[in-house]
């Protein structure tokens, strides 16, 4: 059976060496919210050259 006095002195030694745990951080303080940017219509535009390159790579990957 352990002596409570020994356990308390061990706890005191650990607290003296390592200190206390840091305070808890609230979830709201860990996240950042910002508004989304508008979509770029040029990025969504159809590009026939780009589509041809993509399809030729896909055909090559499938060994067609």
C-alpha atoms as a PDB file:
ATOM      1  CA  UNK A   1       0.000   0.000   0.000  1.00  0.00           C
ATOM      2  CA  UNK A   2       1.354   3.428  -0.891  1.00  0.00           C
ATOM      3  CA  UNK A   3       1.895   6.125   1.633  1.00  0.00           C
ATOM      4  CA  UNK A   4      -0.165   9.243   0.832  1.00  0.00           C
ATOM      5  CA  UNK A   5       2.675  11.441   2.018  1.00  0.00           C
ATOM      6  CA  UNK A   6       5.013   9.942  -0.629  1.00  0.00           C
ATOM      7  CA  UNK A   7       2.398  10.432  -3.322  1.00  0.00           C
ATOM      8  CA  UNK A   8       1.899  14.073  -2.318  1.00  0.00           C
ATOM      9  CA  UNK A   9       5.635  14.756  -2.352  1.00  0.00           C
ATOM     10  CA  UNK A  10       5.859  13.171  -5.823  1.00  0.00           C
ATOM     11  CA  UNK A  11       3.043  15.402  -7.025  1.00  0.00           C
ATOM     12  CA  UNK A  12       4.746  18.437  -5.528  1.00  0.00           C
ATOM     13  CA  UNK A  13       8.029  17.522  -7.253  1.00  0.00           C
ATOM     14  CA  UNK A  14       6.301  17.103 -10.626  1.00  0.00           C
ATOM     15  CA  UNK A  15       4.456  20.414 -10.239  1.00  0.00           C
ATOM     16  CA  UNK A  16       7.708  22.172  -9.294  1.00  0.00           C
ATOM     17  CA  UNK A  17       9.489  20.702 -12.312  1.00  0.00           C
ATOM     18  CA  UNK A  18       6.819  20.968 -15.005  1.00  0.00           C
ATOM     19  CA  UNK A  19       4.461  23.590 -13.614  1.00  0.00           C
ATOM     20  CA  UNK A  20       0.779  23.540 -14.434  1.00  0.00           C
ATOM     21  CA  UNK A  21      -0.949  22.617 -17.658  1.00  0.00           C
ATOM     22  CA  UNK A  22      -1.769  25.517 -19.960  1.00  0.00           C
ATOM     23  CA  UNK A  23      -5.240  26.956 -19.806  1.00  0.00           C
ATOM     24  CA  UNK A  24      -7.786  25.453 -22.170  1.00  0.00           C
ATOM     25  CA  UNK A  25      -8.442  27.332 -25.384  1.00  0.00           C
ATOM     26  CA  UNK A  26     -12.043  27.772 -26.472  1.00  0.00           C
ATOM     27  CA  UNK A  27     -12.999  26.334 -29.869  1.00  0.00           C
ATOM     28  CA  UNK A  28     -14.140  29.767 -31.031  1.00  0.00           C
ATOM     29  CA  UNK A  29     -10.615  31.089 -30.450  1.00  0.00           C
ATOM     30  CA  UNK A  30      -9.029  28.340 -32.564  1.00  0.00           C
ATOM     31  CA  UNK A  31     -10.968  28.932 -35.784  1.00  0.00           C
ATOM     32  CA  UNK A  32     -10.920  31.783 -38.242  1.00  0.00           C
ATOM     33  CA  UNK A  33     -13.840  32.613 -40.484  1.00  0.00           C
ATOM     34  CA  UNK A  34     -13.702  34.792 -43.538  1.00  0.00           C
ATOM     35  CA  UNK A  35     -15.981  35.393 -46.466  1.00  0.00           C
ATOM     36  CA  UNK A  36     -15.566  33.247 -49.556  1.00  0.00           C
ATOM     37  CA  UNK A  37     -14.286  34.913 -52.693  1.00  0.00           C
ATOM     38  CA  UNK A  38     -16.483  35.187 -55.761  1.00  0.00           C
ATOM     39  CA  UNK A  39     -16.085  32.572 -58.505  1.00  0.00           C
ATOM     40  CA  UNK A  40     -13.894  33.530 -61.434  1.00  0.00           C
ATOM     41  CA  UNK A  41     -15.915  33.061 -64.674  1.00  0.00           C
ATOM     42  CA  UNK A  42     -12.711  32.779 -66.719  1.00  0.00           C
ATOM     43  CA  UNK A  43     -11.688  29.740 -64.681  1.00  0.00           C
ATOM     44  CA  UNK A  44     -14.990  28.007 -65.455  1.00  0.00           C
ATOM     45  CA  UNK A  45     -14.913  28.822 -69.181  1.00  0.00           C
ATOM     46  CA  UNK A  46     -14.549  25.971 -71.671  1.00  0.00           C
ATOM     47  CA  UNK A  47     -11.096  25.688 -73.201  1.00  0.00           C
ATOM     48  CA  UNK A  48     -11.017  23.343 -76.240  1.00  0.00           C
ATOM     49  CA  UNK A  49      -7.192  23.166 -76.249  1.00  0.00           C
ATOM     50  CA  UNK A  50      -7.115  22.223 -72.594  1.00  0.00           C
ATOM     51  CA  UNK A  51      -9.844  19.613 -73.065  1.00  0.00           C
ATOM     52  CA  UNK A  52      -7.951  18.041 -75.969  1.00  0.00           C
ATOM     53  CA  UNK A  53      -4.786  17.771 -73.878  1.00  0.00           C
ATOM     54  CA  UNK A  54      -6.686  16.281 -70.984  1.00  0.00           C
ATOM     55  CA  UNK A  55      -8.468  13.704 -73.140  1.00  0.00           C
ATOM     56  CA  UNK A  56      -5.286  12.704 -74.930  1.00  0.00           C
ATOM     57  CA  UNK A  57      -3.574  12.107 -71.592  1.00  0.00           C
ATOM     58  CA  UNK A  58      -6.537  10.086 -70.375  1.00  0.00           C
ATOM     59  CA  UNK A  59      -6.465   7.948 -73.525  1.00  0.00           C
ATOM     60  CA  UNK A  60      -2.734   7.386 -73.083  1.00  0.00           C
ATOM     61  CA  UNK A  61      -3.228   6.429 -69.410  1.00  0.00           C
ATOM     62  CA  UNK A  62      -5.840   3.865 -70.416  1.00  0.00           C
ATOM     63  CA  UNK A  63      -3.535   2.576 -73.172  1.00  0.00           C
ATOM     64  CA  UNK A  64      -6.105   3.147 -75.887  1.00  0.00           C
END
